[in-house]
């Protein structure tokens, strides 16, 4: 009876280890927690950009990965591009900003 309990607990432990490692981050893949954090970060940056009177446009795309925010899209002036970058850098949790916005 003790041997069957040991085998049962061994396999339960193996399954739990599998679940834990499946949620862990790798160099090229986010963990579940990082994905959620980056989704929140993206939403915060988008909201701040949209609420700015100079940038109230839907032509700026925001993506984030591991705290790095990438801005892309089109604006009418270099000042608008610089303002979008400045706003993104001001959001708490942003580690760096890659500005790929194109001025029309």
PDB file of N, CA and C in Angstrom:
ATOM      1  N   UNK A   1       0.818  -1.191   0.000  1.00  0.00           N
ATOM      2  CA  UNK A   1       0.000   0.000   0.000  1.00  0.00           C
ATOM      3  C   UNK A   1       0.863   1.257   0.000  1.00  0.00           C
ATOM      4  N   UNK A   2       1.956   1.265   0.726  1.00  0.00           N
ATOM      5  CA  UNK A   2       2.821   2.429   0.763  1.00  0.00           C
ATOM      6  C   UNK A   2       3.480   2.671  -0.589  1.00  0.00           C
ATOM      7  N   UNK A   3       3.788   1.607  -1.295  1.00  0.00           N
ATOM      8  CA  UNK A   3       4.428   1.752  -2.601  1.00  0.00           C
ATOM      9  C   UNK A   3       3.481   2.411  -3.607  1.00  0.00           C
ATOM     10  N   UNK A   4       2.202   2.051  -3.563  1.00  0.00           N
ATOM     11  CA  UNK A   4       1.239   2.653  -4.492  1.00  0.00           C
ATOM     12  C   UNK A   4       1.016   4.132  -4.171  1.00  0.00           C
ATOM     13  N   UNK A   5       1.036   4.504  -2.890  1.00  0.00           N
ATOM     14  CA  UNK A   5       0.922   5.919  -2.513  1.00  0.00           C
ATOM     15  C   UNK A   5       2.137   6.699  -3.006  1.00  0.00           C
ATOM     16  N   UNK A   6       3.303   6.103  -2.863  1.00  0.00           N
ATOM     17  CA  UNK A   6       4.523   6.761  -3.326  1.00  0.00           C
ATOM     18  C   UNK A   6       4.457   7.012  -4.835  1.00  0.00           C
ATOM     19  N   UNK A   7       4.036   6.032  -5.582  1.00  0.00           N
ATOM     20  CA  UNK A   7       3.937   6.172  -7.043  1.00  0.00           C
ATOM     21  C   UNK A   7       2.904   7.237  -7.400  1.00  0.00           C
ATOM     22  N   UNK A   8       1.786   7.240  -6.707  1.00  0.00           N
ATOM     23  CA  UNK A   8       0.737   8.233  -6.971  1.00  0.00           C
ATOM     24  C   UNK A   8       1.270   9.649  -6.709  1.00  0.00           C
ATOM     25  N   UNK A   9       1.914   9.849  -5.562  1.00  0.00           N
ATOM     26  CA  UNK A   9       2.452  11.174  -5.236  1.00  0.00           C
ATOM     27  C   UNK A   9       3.576  11.576  -6.178  1.00  0.00           C
ATOM     28  N   UNK A  10       4.351  10.622  -6.608  1.00  0.00           N
ATOM     29  CA  UNK A  10       5.425  10.905  -7.557  1.00  0.00           C
ATOM     30  C   UNK A  10       4.853  11.464  -8.860  1.00  0.00           C
ATOM     31  N   UNK A  11       3.818  10.822  -9.387  1.00  0.00           N
ATOM     32  CA  UNK A  11       3.217  11.283 -10.638  1.00  0.00           C
ATOM     33  C   UNK A  11       2.480  12.613 -10.465  1.00  0.00           C
ATOM     34  N   UNK A  12       1.855  12.813  -9.324  1.00  0.00           N
ATOM     35  CA  UNK A  12       1.221  14.106  -9.050  1.00  0.00           C
ATOM     36  C   UNK A  12       2.274  15.204  -9.019  1.00  0.00           C
ATOM     37  N   UNK A  13       3.394  14.930  -8.368  1.00  0.00           N
ATOM     38  CA  UNK A  13       4.500  15.897  -8.333  1.00  0.00           C
ATOM     39  C   UNK A  13       5.052  16.175  -9.714  1.00  0.00           C
ATOM     40  N   UNK A  14       5.159  15.152 -10.531  1.00  0.00           N
ATOM     41  CA  UNK A  14       5.645  15.315 -11.893  1.00  0.00           C
ATOM     42  C   UNK A  14       4.715  16.209 -12.705  1.00  0.00           C
ATOM     43  N   UNK A  15       3.420  16.002 -12.558  1.00  0.00           N
ATOM     44  CA  UNK A  15       2.441  16.837 -13.265  1.00  0.00           C
ATOM     45  C   UNK A  15       2.534  18.281 -12.785  1.00  0.00           C
ATOM     46  N   UNK A  16       2.651  18.513 -11.499  1.00  0.00           N
ATOM     47  CA  UNK A  16       2.767  19.872 -10.969  1.00  0.00           C
ATOM     48  C   UNK A  16       4.024  20.575 -11.483  1.00  0.00           C
ATOM     49  N   UNK A  17       5.123  19.866 -11.529  1.00  0.00           N
ATOM     50  CA  UNK A  17       6.361  20.448 -12.074  1.00  0.00           C
ATOM     51  C   UNK A  17       6.157  20.814 -13.537  1.00  0.00           C
ATOM     52  N   UNK A  18       5.456  19.973 -14.275  1.00  0.00           N
ATOM     53  CA  UNK A  18       5.162  20.267 -15.677  1.00  0.00           C
ATOM     54  C   UNK A  18       4.343  21.531 -15.835  1.00  0.00           C
ATOM     55  N   UNK A  19       3.331  21.712 -14.977  1.00  0.00           N
ATOM     56  CA  UNK A  19       2.510  22.921 -15.031  1.00  0.00           C
ATOM     57  C   UNK A  19       3.330  24.164 -14.704  1.00  0.00           C
ATOM     58  N   UNK A  20       4.185  24.072 -13.724  1.00  0.00           N
ATOM     59  CA  UNK A  20       4.998  25.224 -13.314  1.00  0.00           C
ATOM     60  C   UNK A  20       5.966  25.613 -14.415  1.00  0.00           C
ATOM     61  N   UNK A  21       6.626  24.655 -15.013  1.00  0.00           N
ATOM     62  CA  UNK A  21       7.589  24.991 -16.065  1.00  0.00           C
ATOM     63  C   UNK A  21       6.899  25.458 -17.332  1.00  0.00           C
ATOM     64  N   UNK A  22       5.678  25.056 -17.564  1.00  0.00           N
ATOM     65  CA  UNK A  22       4.952  25.510 -18.749  1.00  0.00           C
ATOM     66  C   UNK A  22       4.609  26.986 -18.651  1.00  0.00           C
ATOM     67  N   UNK A  23       4.486  27.519 -17.454  1.00  0.00           N
ATOM     68  CA  UNK A  23       4.154  28.933 -17.264  1.00  0.00           C
ATOM     69  C   UNK A  23       5.386  29.809 -17.124  1.00  0.00           C
ATOM     70  N   UNK A  24       6.561  29.224 -17.125  1.00  0.00           N
ATOM     71  CA  UNK A  24       7.784  29.994 -16.944  1.00  0.00           C
ATOM     72  C   UNK A  24       8.183  30.686 -18.238  1.00  0.00           C
ATOM     73  N   UNK A  25       8.875  31.809 -18.082  1.00  0.00           N
ATOM     74  CA  UNK A  25       9.323  32.573 -19.244  1.00  0.00           C
ATOM     75  C   UNK A  25      10.629  31.996 -19.777  1.00  0.00           C
ATOM     76  N   UNK A  26      10.810  32.143 -21.069  1.00  0.00           N
ATOM     77  CA  UNK A  26      12.083  31.823 -21.693  1.00  0.00           C
ATOM     78  C   UNK A  26      12.594  33.101 -22.318  1.00  0.00           C
ATOM     79  N   UNK A  27      13.733  33.017 -22.964  1.00  0.00           N
ATOM     80  CA  UNK A  27      14.318  34.206 -23.567  1.00  0.00           C
ATOM     81  C   UNK A  27      13.407  34.785 -24.650  1.00  0.00           C
ATOM     82  N   UNK A  28      12.752  33.948 -25.407  1.00  0.00           N
ATOM     83  CA  UNK A  28      11.935  34.397 -26.537  1.00  0.00           C
ATOM     84  C   UNK A  28      10.439  34.351 -26.282  1.00  0.00           C
ATOM     85  N   UNK A  29      10.028  33.960 -25.090  1.00  0.00           N
ATOM     86  CA  UNK A  29       8.607  33.803 -24.808  1.00  0.00           C
ATOM     87  C   UNK A  29       8.298  34.387 -23.439  1.00  0.00           C
ATOM     88  N   UNK A  30       7.153  35.058 -23.339  1.00  0.00           N
ATOM     89  CA  UNK A  30       6.720  35.643 -22.078  1.00  0.00           C
ATOM     90  C   UNK A  30       6.033  34.600 -21.206  1.00  0.00           C
ATOM     91  N   UNK A  31       6.151  34.785 -19.901  1.00  0.00           N
ATOM     92  CA  UNK A  31       5.357  33.973 -18.994  1.00  0.00           C
ATOM     93  C   UNK A  31       3.941  34.540 -18.985  1.00  0.00           C
ATOM     94  N   UNK A  32       3.037  33.842 -18.367  1.00  0.00           N
ATOM     95  CA  UNK A  32       1.654  34.304 -18.290  1.00  0.00           C
ATOM     96  C   UNK A  32       1.570  35.650 -17.577  1.00  0.00           C
ATOM     97  N   UNK A  33       2.302  35.785 -16.491  1.00  0.00           N
ATOM     98  CA  UNK A  33       2.303  37.050 -15.745  1.00  0.00           C
ATOM     99  C   UNK A  33       2.875  38.200 -16.556  1.00  0.00           C
ATOM    100  N   UNK A  34       3.951  37.935 -17.286  1.00  0.00           N
ATOM    101  CA  UNK A  34       4.544  38.981 -18.130  1.00  0.00           C
ATOM    102  C   UNK A  34       3.584  39.394 -19.236  1.00  0.00           C
ATOM    103  N   UNK A  35       2.866  38.428 -19.799  1.00  0.00           N
ATOM    104  CA  UNK A  35       1.893  38.740 -20.849  1.00  0.00           C
ATOM    105  C   UNK A  35       0.819  39.680 -20.318  1.00  0.00           C
ATOM    106  N   UNK A  36       0.317  39.385 -19.143  1.00  0.00           N
ATOM    107  CA  UNK A  36      -0.715  40.230 -18.534  1.00  0.00           C
ATOM    108  C   UNK A  36      -0.140  41.604 -18.230  1.00  0.00           C
ATOM    109  N   UNK A  37       1.063  41.659 -17.655  1.00  0.00           N
ATOM    110  CA  UNK A  37       1.697  42.940 -17.348  1.00  0.00           C
ATOM    111  C   UNK A  37       1.884  43.776 -18.602  1.00  0.00           C
ATOM    112  N   UNK A  38       2.324  43.156 -19.686  1.00  0.00           N
ATOM    113  CA  UNK A  38       2.532  43.891 -20.922  1.00  0.00           C
ATOM    114  C   UNK A  38       1.215  44.339 -21.543  1.00  0.00           C
ATOM    115  N   UNK A  39       0.174  43.559 -21.387  1.00  0.00           N
ATOM    116  CA  UNK A  39      -1.142  43.971 -21.882  1.00  0.00           C
ATOM    117  C   UNK A  39      -1.629  45.205 -21.134  1.00  0.00           C
ATOM    118  N   UNK A  40      -1.431  45.218 -19.833  1.00  0.00           N
ATOM    119  CA  UNK A  40      -1.821  46.376 -19.022  1.00  0.00           C
ATOM    120  C   UNK A  40      -0.972  47.579 -19.406  1.00  0.00           C
ATOM    121  N   UNK A  41       0.306  47.372 -19.587  1.00  0.00           N
ATOM    122  CA  UNK A  41       1.214  48.452 -19.969  1.00  0.00           C
ATOM    123  C   UNK A  41       0.811  49.039 -21.320  1.00  0.00           C
ATOM    124  N   UNK A  42       0.508  48.185 -22.287  1.00  0.00           N
ATOM    125  CA  UNK A  42       0.068  48.641 -23.604  1.00  0.00           C
ATOM    126  C   UNK A  42      -1.203  49.474 -23.477  1.00  0.00           C
ATOM    127  N   UNK A  43      -2.148  49.013 -22.684  1.00  0.00           N
ATOM    128  CA  UNK A  43      -3.410  49.736 -22.498  1.00  0.00           C
ATOM    129  C   UNK A  43      -3.186  51.102 -21.860  1.00  0.00           C
ATOM    130  N   UNK A  44      -2.302  51.168 -20.876  1.00  0.00           N
ATOM    131  CA  UNK A  44      -2.021  52.444 -20.217  1.00  0.00           C
ATOM    132  C   UNK A  44      -1.399  53.442 -21.190  1.00  0.00           C
ATOM    133  N   UNK A  45      -0.443  52.981 -21.993  1.00  0.00           N
ATOM    134  CA  UNK A  45       0.211  53.873 -22.950  1.00  0.00           C
ATOM    135  C   UNK A  45      -0.791  54.342 -23.996  1.00  0.00           C
ATOM    136  N   UNK A  46      -1.610  53.434 -24.515  1.00  0.00           N
ATOM    137  CA  UNK A  46      -2.629  53.809 -25.502  1.00  0.00           C
ATOM    138  C   UNK A  46      -3.581  54.856 -24.936  1.00  0.00           C
ATOM    139  N   UNK A  47      -4.013  54.662 -23.700  1.00  0.00           N
ATOM    140  CA  UNK A  47      -4.943  55.603 -23.077  1.00  0.00           C
ATOM    141  C   UNK A  47      -4.311  56.978 -22.918  1.00  0.00           C
ATOM    142  N   UNK A  48      -3.063  57.020 -22.481  1.00  0.00           N
ATOM    143  CA  UNK A  48      -2.382  58.308 -22.301  1.00  0.00           C
ATOM    144  C   UNK A  48      -2.198  59.020 -23.640  1.00  0.00           C
ATOM    145  N   UNK A  49      -1.841  58.282 -24.665  1.00  0.00           N
ATOM    146  CA  UNK A  49      -1.671  58.884 -25.992  1.00  0.00           C
ATOM    147  C   UNK A  49      -3.014  59.397 -26.504  1.00  0.00           C
ATOM    148  N   UNK A  50      -4.064  58.620 -26.337  1.00  0.00           N
ATOM    149  CA  UNK A  50      -5.379  59.025 -26.829  1.00  0.00           C
ATOM    150  C   UNK A  50      -5.903  60.243 -26.083  1.00  0.00           C
ATOM    151  N   UNK A  51      -5.589  60.362 -24.792  1.00  0.00           N
ATOM    152  CA  UNK A  51      -6.075  61.487 -23.994  1.00  0.00           C
ATOM    153  C   UNK A  51      -5.291  62.768 -24.219  1.00  0.00           C
ATOM    154  N   UNK A  52      -4.179  62.703 -24.907  1.00  0.00           N
ATOM    155  CA  UNK A  52      -3.398  63.904 -25.195  1.00  0.00           C
ATOM    156  C   UNK A  52      -4.048  64.664 -26.354  1.00  0.00           C
ATOM    157  N   UNK A  53      -4.321  65.966 -26.180  1.00  0.00           N
ATOM    158  CA  UNK A  53      -5.000  66.726 -27.239  1.00  0.00           C
ATOM    159  C   UNK A  53      -4.211  66.784 -28.550  1.00  0.00           C
ATOM    160  N   UNK A  54      -2.898  66.773 -28.461  1.00  0.00           N
ATOM    161  CA  UNK A  54      -2.065  66.837 -29.663  1.00  0.00           C
ATOM    162  C   UNK A  54      -2.077  65.511 -30.425  1.00  0.00           C
ATOM    163  N   UNK A  55      -2.312  64.403 -29.716  1.00  0.00           N
ATOM    164  CA  UNK A  55      -2.191  63.065 -30.317  1.00  0.00           C
ATOM    165  C   UNK A  55      -3.506  62.313 -30.365  1.00  0.00           C
ATOM    166  N   UNK A  56      -4.611  62.972 -30.275  1.00  0.00           N
ATOM    167  CA  UNK A  56      -5.899  62.284 -30.227  1.00  0.00           C
ATOM    168  C   UNK A  56      -6.192  61.670 -31.593  1.00  0.00           C
ATOM    169  N   UNK A  57      -5.404  60.684 -31.930  1.00  0.00           N
ATOM    170  CA  UNK A  57      -5.530  60.002 -33.221  1.00  0.00           C
ATOM    171  C   UNK A  57      -5.495  58.502 -32.993  1.00  0.00           C
ATOM    172  N   UNK A  58      -6.043  57.773 -33.916  1.00  0.00           N
ATOM    173  CA  UNK A  58      -6.019  56.320 -33.829  1.00  0.00           C
ATOM    174  C   UNK A  58      -4.962  55.737 -34.754  1.00  0.00           C
ATOM    175  N   UNK A  59      -4.041  56.572 -35.224  1.00  0.00           N
ATOM    176  CA  UNK A  59      -3.034  56.108 -36.163  1.00  0.00           C
ATOM    177  C   UNK A  59      -1.721  55.727 -35.485  1.00  0.00           C
ATOM    178  N   UNK A  60      -1.693  55.714 -34.169  1.00  0.00           N
ATOM    179  CA  UNK A  60      -0.498  55.305 -33.442  1.00  0.00           C
ATOM    180  C   UNK A  60      -0.771  53.940 -32.818  1.00  0.00           C
ATOM    181  N   UNK A  61       0.053  52.979 -33.166  1.00  0.00           N
ATOM    182  CA  UNK A  61      -0.065  51.627 -32.616  1.00  0.00           C
ATOM    183  C   UNK A  61       0.940  51.452 -31.490  1.00  0.00           C
ATOM    184  N   UNK A  62       0.537  50.733 -30.462  1.00  0.00           N
ATOM    185  CA  UNK A  62       1.391  50.501 -29.300  1.00  0.00           C
ATOM    186  C   UNK A  62       1.468  49.008 -29.040  1.00  0.00           C
ATOM    187  N   UNK A  63       2.678  48.509 -28.907  1.00  0.00           N
ATOM    188  CA  UNK A  63       2.907  47.115 -28.514  1.00  0.00           C
ATOM    189  C   UNK A  63       3.983  47.113 -27.445  1.00  0.00           C
ATOM    190  N   UNK A  64       3.921  46.139 -26.559  1.00  0.00           N
ATOM    191  CA  UNK A  64       4.967  46.044 -25.539  1.00  0.00           C
ATOM    192  C   UNK A  64       5.378  44.594 -25.333  1.00  0.00           C
ATOM    193  N   UNK A  65       6.645  44.435 -24.991  1.00  0.00           N
ATOM    194  CA  UNK A  65       7.205  43.107 -24.740  1.00  0.00           C
ATOM    195  C   UNK A  65       8.285  43.255 -23.682  1.00  0.00           C
ATOM    196  N   UNK A  66       8.040  42.635 -22.548  1.00  0.00           N
ATOM    197  CA  UNK A  66       8.984  42.664 -21.432  1.00  0.00           C
ATOM    198  C   UNK A  66       9.368  44.088 -21.045  1.00  0.00           C
ATOM    199  N   UNK A  67       8.380  44.981 -21.000  1.00  0.00           N
ATOM    200  CA  UNK A  67       8.598  46.353 -20.556  1.00  0.00           C
ATOM    201  C   UNK A  67       9.076  47.307 -21.625  1.00  0.00           C
ATOM    202  N   UNK A  68       9.376  46.804 -22.816  1.00  0.00           N
ATOM    203  CA  UNK A  68       9.815  47.657 -23.925  1.00  0.00           C
ATOM    204  C   UNK A  68       8.591  47.979 -24.774  1.00  0.00           C
ATOM    205  N   UNK A  69       8.311  49.264 -24.939  1.00  0.00           N
ATOM    206  CA  UNK A  69       7.147  49.710 -25.699  1.00  0.00           C
ATOM    207  C   UNK A  69       7.592  50.110 -27.093  1.00  0.00           C
ATOM    208  N   UNK A  70       6.893  49.611 -28.102  1.00  0.00           N
ATOM    209  CA  UNK A  70       7.175  50.001 -29.485  1.00  0.00           C
ATOM    210  C   UNK A  70       5.994  50.799 -30.011  1.00  0.00           C
ATOM    211  N   UNK A  71       6.309  51.990 -30.506  1.00  0.00           N
ATOM    212  CA  UNK A  71       5.308  52.858 -31.107  1.00  0.00           C
ATOM    213  C   UNK A  71       5.475  52.786 -32.614  1.00  0.00           C
ATOM    214  N   UNK A  72       4.366  52.676 -33.328  1.00  0.00           N
ATOM    215  CA  UNK A  72       4.410  52.677 -34.784  1.00  0.00           C
ATOM    216  C   UNK A  72       3.156  53.361 -35.293  1.00  0.00           C
ATOM    217  N   UNK A  73       3.148  53.664 -36.570  1.00  0.00           N
ATOM    218  CA  UNK A  73       2.000  54.325 -37.173  1.00  0.00           C
ATOM    219  C   UNK A  73       2.415  55.609 -37.856  1.00  0.00           C
ATOM    220  N   UNK A  74       1.443  56.502 -38.038  1.00  0.00           N
ATOM    221  CA  UNK A  74       1.671  57.733 -38.776  1.00  0.00           C
ATOM    222  C   UNK A  74       1.166  58.936 -37.994  1.00  0.00           C
ATOM    223  N   UNK A  75       1.939  60.028 -38.050  1.00  0.00           N
ATOM    224  CA  UNK A  75       1.535  61.311 -37.465  1.00  0.00           C
ATOM    225  C   UNK A  75       1.849  62.410 -38.471  1.00  0.00           C
ATOM    226  N   UNK A  76       1.344  63.615 -38.192  1.00  0.00           N
ATOM    227  CA  UNK A  76       1.503  64.727 -39.122  1.00  0.00           C
ATOM    228  C   UNK A  76       2.769  65.548 -38.921  1.00  0.00           C
ATOM    229  N   UNK A  77       3.414  65.429 -37.752  1.00  0.00           N
ATOM    230  CA  UNK A  77       4.587  66.269 -37.491  1.00  0.00           C
ATOM    231  C   UNK A  77       5.613  65.537 -36.629  1.00  0.00           C
ATOM    232  N   UNK A  78       6.868  65.967 -36.722  1.00  0.00           N
ATOM    233  CA  UNK A  78       7.897  65.389 -35.848  1.00  0.00           C
ATOM    234  C   UNK A  78       7.610  65.652 -34.364  1.00  0.00           C
ATOM    235  N   UNK A  79       6.952  66.785 -34.084  1.00  0.00           N
ATOM    236  CA  UNK A  79       6.613  67.103 -32.695  1.00  0.00           C
ATOM    237  C   UNK A  79       5.612  66.090 -32.127  1.00  0.00           C
ATOM    238  N   UNK A  80       4.681  65.644 -32.961  1.00  0.00           N
ATOM    239  CA  UNK A  80       3.715  64.642 -32.516  1.00  0.00           C
ATOM    240  C   UNK A  80       4.411  63.313 -32.223  1.00  0.00           C
ATOM    241  N   UNK A  81       5.382  62.950 -33.037  1.00  0.00           N
ATOM    242  CA  UNK A  81       6.141  61.718 -32.817  1.00  0.00           C
ATOM    243  C   UNK A  81       6.918  61.803 -31.507  1.00  0.00           C
ATOM    244  N   UNK A  82       7.581  62.939 -31.285  1.00  0.00           N
ATOM    245  CA  UNK A  82       8.352  63.138 -30.056  1.00  0.00           C
ATOM    246  C   UNK A  82       7.431  63.150 -28.833  1.00  0.00           C
ATOM    247  N   UNK A  83       6.252  63.756 -28.976  1.00  0.00           N
ATOM    248  CA  UNK A  83       5.290  63.809 -27.869  1.00  0.00           C
ATOM    249  C   UNK A  83       4.797  62.408 -27.514  1.00  0.00           C
ATOM    250  N   UNK A  84       4.512  61.585 -28.499  1.00  0.00           N
ATOM    251  CA  UNK A  84       4.071  60.212 -28.243  1.00  0.00           C
ATOM    252  C   UNK A  84       5.152  59.435 -27.491  1.00  0.00           C
ATOM    253  N   UNK A  85       6.393  59.611 -27.894  1.00  0.00           N
ATOM    254  CA  UNK A  85       7.502  58.934 -27.212  1.00  0.00           C
ATOM    255  C   UNK A  85       7.620  59.419 -25.771  1.00  0.00           C
ATOM    256  N   UNK A  86       7.502  60.728 -25.580  1.00  0.00           N
ATOM    257  CA  UNK A  86       7.594  61.311 -24.237  1.00  0.00           C
ATOM    258  C   UNK A  86       6.481  60.764 -23.326  1.00  0.00           C
ATOM    259  N   UNK A  87       5.275  60.679 -23.859  1.00  0.00           N
ATOM    260  CA  UNK A  87       4.150  60.153 -23.079  1.00  0.00           C
ATOM    261  C   UNK A  87       4.390  58.691 -22.713  1.00  0.00           C
ATOM    262  N   UNK A  88       4.849  57.902 -23.680  1.00  0.00           N
ATOM    263  CA  UNK A  88       5.100  56.478 -23.417  1.00  0.00           C
ATOM    264  C   UNK A  88       6.166  56.305 -22.339  1.00  0.00           C
ATOM    265  N   UNK A  89       7.214  57.112 -22.371  1.00  0.00           N
ATOM    266  CA  UNK A  89       8.279  57.007 -21.367  1.00  0.00           C
ATOM    267  C   UNK A  89       7.783  57.392 -19.978  1.00  0.00           C
ATOM    268  N   UNK A  90       6.750  58.235 -19.918  1.00  0.00           N
ATOM    269  CA  UNK A  90       6.258  58.704 -18.618  1.00  0.00           C
ATOM    270  C   UNK A  90       5.359  57.686 -17.914  1.00  0.00           C
ATOM    271  N   UNK A  91       4.915  56.673 -18.630  1.00  0.00           N
ATOM    272  CA  UNK A  91       4.024  55.671 -18.030  1.00  0.00           C
ATOM    273  C   UNK A  91       4.840  54.752 -17.118  1.00  0.00           C
ATOM    274  N   UNK A  92       4.325  54.555 -15.920  1.00  0.00           N
ATOM    275  CA  UNK A  92       5.011  53.713 -14.943  1.00  0.00           C
ATOM    276  C   UNK A  92       5.090  52.282 -15.446  1.00  0.00           C
ATOM    277  N   UNK A  93       6.290  51.688 -15.388  1.00  0.00           N
ATOM    278  CA  UNK A  93       6.496  50.312 -15.827  1.00  0.00           C
ATOM    279  C   UNK A  93       7.188  50.203 -17.172  1.00  0.00           C
ATOM    280  N   UNK A  94       7.260  51.307 -17.904  1.00  0.00           N
ATOM    281  CA  UNK A  94       7.929  51.298 -19.201  1.00  0.00           C
ATOM    282  C   UNK A  94       9.436  51.383 -18.970  1.00  0.00           C
ATOM    283  N   UNK A  95      10.157  50.396 -19.483  1.00  0.00           N
ATOM    284  CA  UNK A  95      11.610  50.382 -19.330  1.00  0.00           C
ATOM    285  C   UNK A  95      12.296  51.162 -20.445  1.00  0.00           C
ATOM    286  N   UNK A  96      11.801  51.023 -21.667  1.00  0.00           N
ATOM    287  CA  UNK A  96      12.343  51.782 -22.792  1.00  0.00           C
ATOM    288  C   UNK A  96      11.284  51.875 -23.885  1.00  0.00           C
ATOM    289  N   UNK A  97      11.518  52.806 -24.830  1.00  0.00           N
ATOM    290  CA  UNK A  97      10.575  53.042 -25.909  1.00  0.00           C
ATOM    291  C   UNK A  97      11.319  52.979 -27.237  1.00  0.00           C
ATOM    292  N   UNK A  98      10.762  52.222 -28.174  1.00  0.00           N
ATOM    293  CA  UNK A  98      11.268  52.182 -29.543  1.00  0.00           C
ATOM    294  C   UNK A  98      10.260  52.930 -30.400  1.00  0.00           C
ATOM    295  N   UNK A  99      10.677  54.072 -30.925  1.00  0.00           N
ATOM    296  CA  UNK A  99       9.770  54.921 -31.678  1.00  0.00           C
ATOM    297  C   UNK A  99       9.946  54.646 -33.173  1.00  0.00           C
ATOM    298  N   UNK A 100       8.966  53.988 -33.769  1.00  0.00           N
ATOM    299  CA  UNK A 100       8.986  53.688 -35.208  1.00  0.00           C
ATOM    300  C   UNK A 100       7.870  54.459 -35.930  1.00  0.00           C
ATOM    301  N   UNK A 101       7.452  55.575 -35.347  1.00  0.00           N
ATOM    302  CA  UNK A 101       6.390  56.374 -35.942  1.00  0.00           C
ATOM    303  C   UNK A 101       6.925  57.104 -37.165  1.00  0.00           C
ATOM    304  N   UNK A 102       6.124  57.095 -38.232  1.00  0.00           N
ATOM    305  CA  UNK A 102       6.493  57.746 -39.487  1.00  0.00           C
ATOM    306  C   UNK A 102       5.732  59.069 -39.594  1.00  0.00           C
ATOM    307  N   UNK A 103       6.460  60.128 -39.961  1.00  0.00           N
ATOM    308  CA  UNK A 103       5.826  61.431 -40.163  1.00  0.00           C
ATOM    309  C   UNK A 103       5.385  61.517 -41.604  1.00  0.00           C
ATOM    310  N   UNK A 104       4.090  61.832 -41.830  1.00  0.00           N
ATOM    311  CA  UNK A 104       3.551  61.927 -43.203  1.00  0.00           C
ATOM    312  C   UNK A 104       4.011  63.207 -43.850  1.00  0.00           C
TER     313      UNK A 104
END
